[in-house]
Amino acid sequence: MLLLAPQLRIMIAILPIDFRFGVDRIASVCRQTLNQNPFDGTLFVFKNRSNTAIRLLCYDGGGYWIATKRFSKGKLKWWPSSTGEPLTQLAAKQLQIMLYNGLPDQAQMDEDWRKLF
């Protein structure tokens, strides 16, 4: 089970990676290509070149978690466009929509935090 809390820092790598890479190689991509610390608890999201799968990498303090979702029908419908930066941040609720192959930029959602009164 994957818990996507609103406080979780989620970063999407804009460019695709080779899905033959293992945990160590993907962590190396985080450090060297993306200039990020893969040990800080950030959830990193990657896609493959054919847009048929996404891979998640996260370190929980005791080891790495890696998850892959391959879409059985079609290709990934949404991915952030390149803004010149290698990474972009994503909210947990947007990632949940993306995991179901939805369009997070078109979803209408409430704010993460709102006052009760």
N, C-alpha and C. Protein backbone atom coordinates (compact mmCIF):
# COMPACT_ATOMS: atom_id res chain seq x y z
N MET A 1 0.84 -1.17 0.00
CA MET A 1 0.00 0.00 0.00
C MET A 1 0.89 1.23 0.00
N LEU A 2 0.53 2.20 -0.78
CA LEU A 2 1.29 3.42 -0.92
C LEU A 2 0.50 4.56 -0.29
N LEU A 3 1.08 5.18 0.75
CA LEU A 3 0.43 6.30 1.43
C LEU A 3 0.98 7.60 0.86
N LEU A 4 0.11 8.38 0.27
CA LEU A 4 0.50 9.66 -0.30
C LEU A 4 -0.10 10.78 0.55
N ALA A 5 0.62 11.16 1.60
CA ALA A 5 0.16 12.21 2.51
C ALA A 5 0.39 13.58 1.86
N PRO A 6 -0.45 14.56 2.18
CA PRO A 6 -0.28 15.90 1.61
C PRO A 6 1.08 16.53 1.94
N GLN A 7 1.70 16.10 3.04
CA GLN A 7 2.98 16.67 3.44
C GLN A 7 4.17 16.07 2.68
N LEU A 8 3.95 15.00 1.96
CA LEU A 8 5.02 14.32 1.25
C LEU A 8 5.53 15.18 0.10
N ARG A 9 6.85 15.31 0.02
CA ARG A 9 7.46 16.05 -1.08
C ARG A 9 7.60 15.10 -2.27
N ILE A 10 6.96 15.45 -3.38
CA ILE A 10 6.95 14.62 -4.57
C ILE A 10 7.58 15.41 -5.71
N MET A 11 8.59 14.82 -6.32
CA MET A 11 9.29 15.47 -7.42
C MET A 11 9.21 14.58 -8.66
N ILE A 12 8.86 15.18 -9.78
CA ILE A 12 8.77 14.45 -11.04
C ILE A 12 9.95 14.83 -11.92
N ALA A 13 10.65 13.81 -12.40
CA ALA A 13 11.74 14.03 -13.35
C ALA A 13 11.12 14.21 -14.73
N ILE A 14 11.41 15.31 -15.37
CA ILE A 14 10.78 15.62 -16.65
C ILE A 14 11.21 14.64 -17.74
N LEU A 15 12.51 14.36 -17.82
CA LEU A 15 13.02 13.48 -18.87
C LEU A 15 12.85 12.02 -18.48
N PRO A 16 12.62 11.14 -19.45
CA PRO A 16 12.46 9.71 -19.15
C PRO A 16 13.78 9.06 -18.76
N ILE A 17 13.67 7.92 -18.08
CA ILE A 17 14.85 7.12 -17.74
C ILE A 17 14.68 5.72 -18.31
N ASP A 18 15.77 4.99 -18.32
CA ASP A 18 15.77 3.60 -18.76
C ASP A 18 15.25 2.75 -17.61
N PHE A 19 14.18 2.02 -17.82
CA PHE A 19 13.58 1.24 -16.74
C PHE A 19 14.35 -0.05 -16.45
N ARG A 20 15.43 -0.28 -17.14
CA ARG A 20 16.31 -1.39 -16.76
C ARG A 20 17.18 -1.01 -15.57
N PHE A 21 17.21 0.29 -15.23
CA PHE A 21 17.98 0.75 -14.07
C PHE A 21 17.39 0.18 -12.79
N GLY A 22 18.27 -0.18 -11.86
CA GLY A 22 17.85 -0.65 -10.55
C GLY A 22 17.82 0.51 -9.57
N VAL A 23 17.63 0.19 -8.31
CA VAL A 23 17.53 1.20 -7.26
C VAL A 23 18.79 2.07 -7.19
N ASP A 24 19.96 1.45 -7.21
CA ASP A 24 21.20 2.22 -7.07
C ASP A 24 21.40 3.18 -8.24
N ARG A 25 21.09 2.74 -9.42
CA ARG A 25 21.29 3.60 -10.59
C ARG A 25 20.27 4.74 -10.60
N ILE A 26 19.05 4.48 -10.19
CA ILE A 26 18.05 5.55 -10.13
C ILE A 26 18.41 6.56 -9.04
N ALA A 27 18.91 6.07 -7.90
CA ALA A 27 19.37 6.98 -6.85
C ALA A 27 20.53 7.82 -7.36
N SER A 28 21.39 7.24 -8.17
CA SER A 28 22.50 7.97 -8.78
C SER A 28 21.98 9.06 -9.73
N VAL A 29 20.92 8.76 -10.47
CA VAL A 29 20.30 9.78 -11.33
C VAL A 29 19.79 10.94 -10.48
N CYS A 30 19.18 10.62 -9.34
CA CYS A 30 18.69 11.67 -8.43
C CYS A 30 19.83 12.57 -7.99
N ARG A 31 20.95 11.96 -7.60
CA ARG A 31 22.09 12.75 -7.11
C ARG A 31 22.80 13.52 -8.22
N GLN A 32 23.15 12.85 -9.29
CA GLN A 32 24.02 13.44 -10.29
C GLN A 32 23.28 14.27 -11.34
N THR A 33 22.18 13.77 -11.84
CA THR A 33 21.46 14.47 -12.91
C THR A 33 20.48 15.50 -12.36
N LEU A 34 19.77 15.13 -11.29
CA LEU A 34 18.73 16.00 -10.75
C LEU A 34 19.20 16.88 -9.59
N ASN A 35 20.42 16.65 -9.11
CA ASN A 35 21.00 17.41 -7.99
C ASN A 35 20.12 17.37 -6.75
N GLN A 36 19.60 16.18 -6.44
CA GLN A 36 18.73 15.99 -5.28
C GLN A 36 19.32 14.90 -4.39
N ASN A 37 19.00 14.95 -3.11
CA ASN A 37 19.43 13.94 -2.16
C ASN A 37 18.37 12.84 -2.10
N PRO A 38 18.67 11.64 -2.61
CA PRO A 38 17.65 10.59 -2.59
C PRO A 38 17.38 10.02 -1.20
N PHE A 39 18.16 10.43 -0.18
CA PHE A 39 17.98 9.93 1.18
C PHE A 39 17.10 10.83 2.05
N ASP A 40 16.52 11.90 1.50
CA ASP A 40 15.78 12.84 2.35
C ASP A 40 14.28 12.56 2.44
N GLY A 41 13.81 11.44 1.91
CA GLY A 41 12.41 11.07 2.04
C GLY A 41 11.52 11.57 0.91
N THR A 42 12.10 12.25 -0.06
CA THR A 42 11.33 12.72 -1.21
C THR A 42 10.92 11.52 -2.07
N LEU A 43 9.73 11.57 -2.59
CA LEU A 43 9.25 10.56 -3.53
C LEU A 43 9.55 11.06 -4.94
N PHE A 44 10.39 10.33 -5.66
CA PHE A 44 10.76 10.69 -7.02
C PHE A 44 9.94 9.88 -8.00
N VAL A 45 9.43 10.54 -9.04
CA VAL A 45 8.59 9.90 -10.04
C VAL A 45 9.29 10.01 -11.40
N PHE A 46 9.38 8.88 -12.09
CA PHE A 46 10.01 8.81 -13.40
C PHE A 46 9.07 8.13 -14.38
N LYS A 47 9.28 8.38 -15.66
CA LYS A 47 8.53 7.67 -16.70
C LYS A 47 9.52 7.01 -17.65
N ASN A 48 9.03 6.03 -18.42
CA ASN A 48 9.88 5.42 -19.43
C ASN A 48 9.72 6.17 -20.75
N ARG A 49 10.56 5.83 -21.71
CA ARG A 49 10.57 6.55 -22.99
C ARG A 49 9.28 6.37 -23.79
N SER A 50 8.65 5.23 -23.66
CA SER A 50 7.44 4.97 -24.44
C SER A 50 6.16 5.45 -23.77
N ASN A 51 6.27 6.07 -22.60
CA ASN A 51 5.11 6.60 -21.85
C ASN A 51 4.10 5.52 -21.49
N THR A 52 4.57 4.31 -21.23
CA THR A 52 3.65 3.24 -20.87
C THR A 52 3.77 2.84 -19.40
N ALA A 53 4.72 3.45 -18.67
CA ALA A 53 4.92 3.08 -17.27
C ALA A 53 5.54 4.23 -16.50
N ILE A 54 5.29 4.22 -15.19
CA ILE A 54 5.95 5.17 -14.29
C ILE A 54 6.62 4.39 -13.17
N ARG A 55 7.65 4.96 -12.59
CA ARG A 55 8.38 4.33 -11.51
C ARG A 55 8.54 5.35 -10.39
N LEU A 56 8.32 4.89 -9.16
CA LEU A 56 8.44 5.72 -7.96
C LEU A 56 9.61 5.22 -7.13
N LEU A 57 10.40 6.14 -6.61
CA LEU A 57 11.53 5.80 -5.75
C LEU A 57 11.47 6.66 -4.50
N CYS A 58 11.60 6.02 -3.32
CA CYS A 58 11.57 6.75 -2.05
C CYS A 58 12.42 6.02 -1.03
N TYR A 59 13.12 6.79 -0.20
CA TYR A 59 13.91 6.24 0.90
C TYR A 59 13.16 6.51 2.19
N ASP A 60 12.92 5.48 3.02
CA ASP A 60 12.13 5.65 4.24
C ASP A 60 12.96 5.66 5.51
N GLY A 61 14.26 5.77 5.40
CA GLY A 61 15.13 5.78 6.58
C GLY A 61 15.78 4.43 6.83
N GLY A 62 15.19 3.37 6.31
CA GLY A 62 15.75 2.04 6.50
C GLY A 62 16.10 1.36 5.19
N GLY A 63 15.65 1.93 4.10
CA GLY A 63 15.92 1.36 2.78
C GLY A 63 15.07 2.04 1.73
N TYR A 64 15.32 1.66 0.50
CA TYR A 64 14.59 2.23 -0.62
C TYR A 64 13.34 1.43 -0.93
N TRP A 65 12.31 2.15 -1.34
CA TRP A 65 11.10 1.56 -1.90
C TRP A 65 11.10 1.93 -3.36
N ILE A 66 10.80 0.95 -4.21
CA ILE A 66 10.66 1.23 -5.63
C ILE A 66 9.36 0.57 -6.09
N ALA A 67 8.57 1.32 -6.83
CA ALA A 67 7.30 0.80 -7.34
C ALA A 67 7.20 1.16 -8.81
N THR A 68 6.62 0.26 -9.57
CA THR A 68 6.43 0.47 -11.00
C THR A 68 4.97 0.24 -11.33
N LYS A 69 4.40 1.13 -12.11
CA LYS A 69 3.05 0.91 -12.64
C LYS A 69 3.14 0.96 -14.15
N ARG A 70 2.73 -0.14 -14.77
CA ARG A 70 2.66 -0.20 -16.23
C ARG A 70 1.18 -0.14 -16.61
N PHE A 71 0.86 0.80 -17.48
CA PHE A 71 -0.52 0.98 -17.89
C PHE A 71 -0.90 -0.10 -18.89
N SER A 72 -1.95 -0.85 -18.58
CA SER A 72 -2.34 -1.97 -19.42
C SER A 72 -3.08 -1.52 -20.68
N LYS A 73 -3.66 -0.33 -20.63
CA LYS A 73 -4.38 0.19 -21.79
C LYS A 73 -3.81 1.56 -22.15
N GLY A 74 -3.17 1.64 -23.27
CA GLY A 74 -2.70 2.92 -23.75
C GLY A 74 -1.44 3.43 -23.07
N LYS A 75 -1.26 4.72 -23.16
CA LYS A 75 -0.07 5.38 -22.65
C LYS A 75 -0.45 6.39 -21.58
N LEU A 76 0.55 6.88 -20.90
CA LEU A 76 0.38 7.90 -19.88
C LEU A 76 -0.24 9.14 -20.53
N LYS A 77 -1.36 9.60 -19.99
CA LYS A 77 -2.08 10.73 -20.59
C LYS A 77 -1.48 12.08 -20.24
N TRP A 78 -0.83 12.18 -19.09
CA TRP A 78 -0.35 13.48 -18.64
C TRP A 78 1.05 13.37 -18.08
N TRP A 79 1.87 14.32 -18.41
CA TRP A 79 3.20 14.47 -17.83
C TRP A 79 3.53 15.95 -17.90
N PRO A 80 4.18 16.51 -16.87
CA PRO A 80 4.48 17.95 -16.91
C PRO A 80 5.37 18.29 -18.10
N SER A 81 5.11 19.45 -18.66
CA SER A 81 5.93 19.89 -19.80
C SER A 81 7.26 20.46 -19.30
N SER A 82 8.23 20.45 -20.16
CA SER A 82 9.57 20.91 -19.81
C SER A 82 9.57 22.43 -19.66
N THR A 83 10.07 22.88 -18.52
CA THR A 83 10.19 24.32 -18.26
C THR A 83 11.65 24.73 -18.20
N GLY A 84 12.53 23.88 -18.68
CA GLY A 84 13.96 24.15 -18.60
C GLY A 84 14.59 23.55 -17.36
N GLU A 85 13.77 23.16 -16.40
CA GLU A 85 14.25 22.53 -15.17
C GLU A 85 14.12 21.01 -15.31
N PRO A 86 15.01 20.25 -14.68
CA PRO A 86 14.92 18.79 -14.78
C PRO A 86 13.84 18.18 -13.89
N LEU A 87 13.35 18.96 -12.91
CA LEU A 87 12.35 18.47 -11.95
C LEU A 87 11.21 19.45 -11.82
N THR A 88 10.07 18.93 -11.42
CA THR A 88 8.96 19.78 -11.02
C THR A 88 8.26 19.12 -9.83
N GLN A 89 7.69 19.94 -8.96
CA GLN A 89 7.03 19.41 -7.78
C GLN A 89 5.57 19.13 -8.08
N LEU A 90 5.05 18.12 -7.42
CA LEU A 90 3.67 17.70 -7.63
C LEU A 90 3.02 17.46 -6.28
N ALA A 91 1.76 17.79 -6.14
CA ALA A 91 1.02 17.53 -4.91
C ALA A 91 0.60 16.06 -4.87
N ALA A 92 0.41 15.54 -3.67
CA ALA A 92 0.04 14.13 -3.49
C ALA A 92 -1.27 13.81 -4.21
N LYS A 93 -2.24 14.69 -4.14
CA LYS A 93 -3.52 14.43 -4.80
C LYS A 93 -3.37 14.42 -6.32
N GLN A 94 -2.44 15.20 -6.84
CA GLN A 94 -2.19 15.18 -8.28
C GLN A 94 -1.54 13.86 -8.71
N LEU A 95 -0.63 13.36 -7.87
CA LEU A 95 0.00 12.08 -8.18
C LEU A 95 -1.03 10.95 -8.15
N GLN A 96 -1.97 11.00 -7.21
CA GLN A 96 -3.01 9.97 -7.15
C GLN A 96 -3.83 9.95 -8.44
N ILE A 97 -4.14 11.11 -8.96
CA ILE A 97 -4.88 11.18 -10.21
C ILE A 97 -4.03 10.64 -11.36
N MET A 98 -2.76 10.98 -11.35
CA MET A 98 -1.85 10.52 -12.40
C MET A 98 -1.69 9.01 -12.37
N LEU A 99 -1.67 8.40 -11.17
CA LEU A 99 -1.54 6.96 -11.06
C LEU A 99 -2.73 6.22 -11.68
N TYR A 100 -3.88 6.89 -11.72
CA TYR A 100 -5.05 6.31 -12.39
C TYR A 100 -5.16 6.78 -13.84
N ASN A 101 -4.08 7.34 -14.35
CA ASN A 101 -3.96 7.82 -15.73
C ASN A 101 -4.97 8.92 -16.03
N GLY A 102 -5.18 9.78 -15.03
CA GLY A 102 -6.05 10.93 -15.21
C GLY A 102 -5.26 12.17 -15.58
N LEU A 103 -5.94 13.30 -15.59
CA LEU A 103 -5.33 14.57 -15.96
C LEU A 103 -5.34 15.51 -14.75
N PRO A 104 -4.25 15.55 -13.98
CA PRO A 104 -4.24 16.36 -12.76
C PRO A 104 -4.37 17.86 -13.02
N ASP A 105 -3.94 18.33 -14.17
CA ASP A 105 -4.04 19.77 -14.42
C ASP A 105 -5.47 20.21 -14.74
N GLN A 106 -6.36 19.25 -15.01
CA GLN A 106 -7.76 19.57 -15.29
C GLN A 106 -8.69 19.21 -14.15
N ALA A 107 -8.17 18.55 -13.12
CA ALA A 107 -9.00 18.14 -11.98
C ALA A 107 -9.34 19.34 -11.11
N GLN A 108 -10.55 19.38 -10.62
CA GLN A 108 -10.97 20.45 -9.72
C GLN A 108 -10.99 19.89 -8.31
N MET A 109 -10.05 20.38 -7.49
CA MET A 109 -9.91 19.86 -6.13
C MET A 109 -9.89 21.01 -5.14
N ASP A 110 -10.32 20.73 -3.92
CA ASP A 110 -10.23 21.70 -2.85
C ASP A 110 -8.78 21.86 -2.43
N GLU A 111 -8.51 22.92 -1.68
CA GLU A 111 -7.18 23.14 -1.13
C GLU A 111 -6.86 22.03 -0.12
N ASP A 112 -5.56 21.77 0.10
CA ASP A 112 -5.17 20.74 1.06
C ASP A 112 -5.60 21.09 2.48
N TRP A 113 -5.48 22.35 2.87
CA TRP A 113 -5.82 22.77 4.23
C TRP A 113 -6.84 23.89 4.18
N ARG A 114 -7.84 23.76 4.97
CA ARG A 114 -8.82 24.84 5.08
C ARG A 114 -9.33 24.92 6.50
N LYS A 115 -9.75 26.09 6.91
CA LYS A 115 -10.25 26.31 8.25
C LYS A 115 -11.61 25.65 8.44
N LEU A 116 -11.85 25.14 9.63
CA LEU A 116 -13.13 24.50 9.92
C LEU A 116 -14.21 25.52 10.19
N PHE A 117 -13.85 26.68 10.73
CA PHE A 117 -14.86 27.71 11.04
C PHE A 117 -14.55 28.98 10.34
